[in-house]
Amino acid sequence: MGGYSVTHDNDYVGYLHATVGDQFNVYRRKVHDADDWLGKFRLEDGVKAILRACDRLVPGQDRVA
């Protein structure tokens, strides 16, 4: 089972772990509460979902650096 951590400006903001096929379960990390499950996405879309949930993705930005 594979997974990825997502950081932005040195902050750990979320993570993804593999499910079936090219899908990942996607979570926004919270420090003092249960993490938010954001859904199942392909890898790049999952990273974007995490960044949007944390207000880190600029609206209209179509690529993740």
C-alpha atoms as a PDB file:
ATOM      1  CA  MET A   1       0.000   0.000   0.000  1.00  0.00           C
ATOM      2  CA  GLY A   2       1.535   3.286  -1.100  1.00  0.00           C
ATOM      3  CA  GLY A   3       0.979   6.777   0.145  1.00  0.00           C
ATOM      4  CA  TYR A   4       2.155  10.359   0.005  1.00  0.00           C
ATOM      5  CA  SER A   5       2.408  13.241   2.432  1.00  0.00           C
ATOM      6  CA  VAL A   6       1.542  16.710   1.180  1.00  0.00           C
ATOM      7  CA  THR A   7       3.417  19.744   2.449  1.00  0.00           C
ATOM      8  CA  HIS A   8       3.118  23.408   1.521  1.00  0.00           C
ATOM      9  CA  ASP A   9       5.578  26.070   2.727  1.00  0.00           C
ATOM     10  CA  ASN A  10       7.042  23.456   5.096  1.00  0.00           C
ATOM     11  CA  ASP A  11       3.632  22.750   6.678  1.00  0.00           C
ATOM     12  CA  TYR A  12       2.304  19.185   6.648  1.00  0.00           C
ATOM     13  CA  VAL A  13      -1.216  19.774   5.286  1.00  0.00           C
ATOM     14  CA  GLY A  14      -2.461  16.334   4.267  1.00  0.00           C
ATOM     15  CA  TYR A  15      -1.840  12.870   2.936  1.00  0.00           C
ATOM     16  CA  LEU A  16      -3.041  10.335   0.395  1.00  0.00           C
ATOM     17  CA  HIS A  17      -2.974   6.561   0.500  1.00  0.00           C
ATOM     18  CA  ALA A  18      -3.551   4.159  -2.366  1.00  0.00           C
ATOM     19  CA  THR A  19      -6.817   2.360  -2.786  1.00  0.00           C
ATOM     20  CA  VAL A  20      -7.972   0.587  -5.986  1.00  0.00           C
ATOM     21  CA  GLY A  21      -6.408   1.319  -9.377  1.00  0.00           C
ATOM     22  CA  ASP A  22      -5.186   4.887  -9.729  1.00  0.00           C
ATOM     23  CA  GLN A  23      -7.383   6.161  -6.868  1.00  0.00           C
ATOM     24  CA  PHE A  24      -6.207   7.518  -3.519  1.00  0.00           C
ATOM     25  CA  ASN A  25      -8.068   8.196  -0.277  1.00  0.00           C
ATOM     26  CA  VAL A  26      -7.340  11.846   0.437  1.00  0.00           C
ATOM     27  CA  TYR A  27      -7.164  13.502   3.857  1.00  0.00           C
ATOM     28  CA  ARG A  28      -6.651  17.035   5.100  1.00  0.00           C
ATOM     29  CA  ARG A  29      -4.557  16.981   8.259  1.00  0.00           C
ATOM     30  CA  LYS A  30      -5.798  18.697  11.394  1.00  0.00           C
ATOM     31  CA  VAL A  31      -3.565  19.149  14.408  1.00  0.00           C
ATOM     32  CA  HIS A  32      -6.089  19.123  17.271  1.00  0.00           C
ATOM     33  CA  ASP A  33      -8.985  17.219  15.696  1.00  0.00           C
ATOM     34  CA  ALA A  34      -9.703  14.192  13.517  1.00  0.00           C
ATOM     35  CA  ASP A  35      -8.387  14.559   9.982  1.00  0.00           C
ATOM     36  CA  ASP A  36     -10.912  15.358   7.227  1.00  0.00           C
ATOM     37  CA  TRP A  37     -11.502  12.679   4.593  1.00  0.00           C
ATOM     38  CA  LEU A  38     -11.914  14.582   1.326  1.00  0.00           C
ATOM     39  CA  GLY A  39     -12.803  11.648  -0.905  1.00  0.00           C
ATOM     40  CA  LYS A  40     -11.184   9.439  -3.527  1.00  0.00           C
ATOM     41  CA  PHE A  41      -9.162  11.093  -6.282  1.00  0.00           C
ATOM     42  CA  ARG A  42      -6.396  10.460  -8.754  1.00  0.00           C
ATOM     43  CA  LEU A  43      -3.034  11.613  -7.391  1.00  0.00           C
ATOM     44  CA  GLU A  44      -2.792  15.155  -8.793  1.00  0.00           C
ATOM     45  CA  ASP A  45      -6.469  15.885  -8.169  1.00  0.00           C
ATOM     46  CA  GLY A  46      -6.066  14.632  -4.602  1.00  0.00           C
ATOM     47  CA  VAL A  47      -3.169  16.988  -3.954  1.00  0.00           C
ATOM     48  CA  LYS A  48      -5.253  19.861  -5.355  1.00  0.00           C
ATOM     49  CA  ALA A  49      -8.179  18.876  -3.102  1.00  0.00           C
ATOM     50  CA  ILE A  50      -5.910  19.034  -0.042  1.00  0.00           C
ATOM     51  CA  LEU A  51      -4.480  22.401  -1.040  1.00  0.00           C
ATOM     52  CA  ARG A  52      -7.965  23.799  -1.709  1.00  0.00           C
ATOM     53  CA  ALA A  53      -9.216  22.524   1.665  1.00  0.00           C
ATOM     54  CA  CYS A  54      -6.328  24.331   3.343  1.00  0.00           C
ATOM     55  CA  ASP A  55      -6.759  27.507   1.247  1.00  0.00           C
ATOM     56  CA  ARG A  56      -3.302  26.939  -0.243  1.00  0.00           C
ATOM     57  CA  LEU A  57      -4.279  26.552  -3.915  1.00  0.00           C
ATOM     58  CA  VAL A  58      -4.857  29.832  -5.722  1.00  0.00           C
ATOM     59  CA  PRO A  59      -8.215  29.803  -7.553  1.00  0.00           C
ATOM     60  CA  GLY A  60      -7.676  29.110 -11.234  1.00  0.00           C
ATOM     61  CA  GLN A  61      -4.307  27.450 -10.603  1.00  0.00           C
ATOM     62  CA  ASP A  62      -4.314  24.299 -12.692  1.00  0.00           C
ATOM     63  CA  ARG A  63      -0.933  22.830 -11.838  1.00  0.00           C
ATOM     64  CA  VAL A  64       0.579  21.679  -8.601  1.00  0.00           C
ATOM     65  CA  ALA A  65       4.239  22.615  -8.251  1.00  0.00           C
END
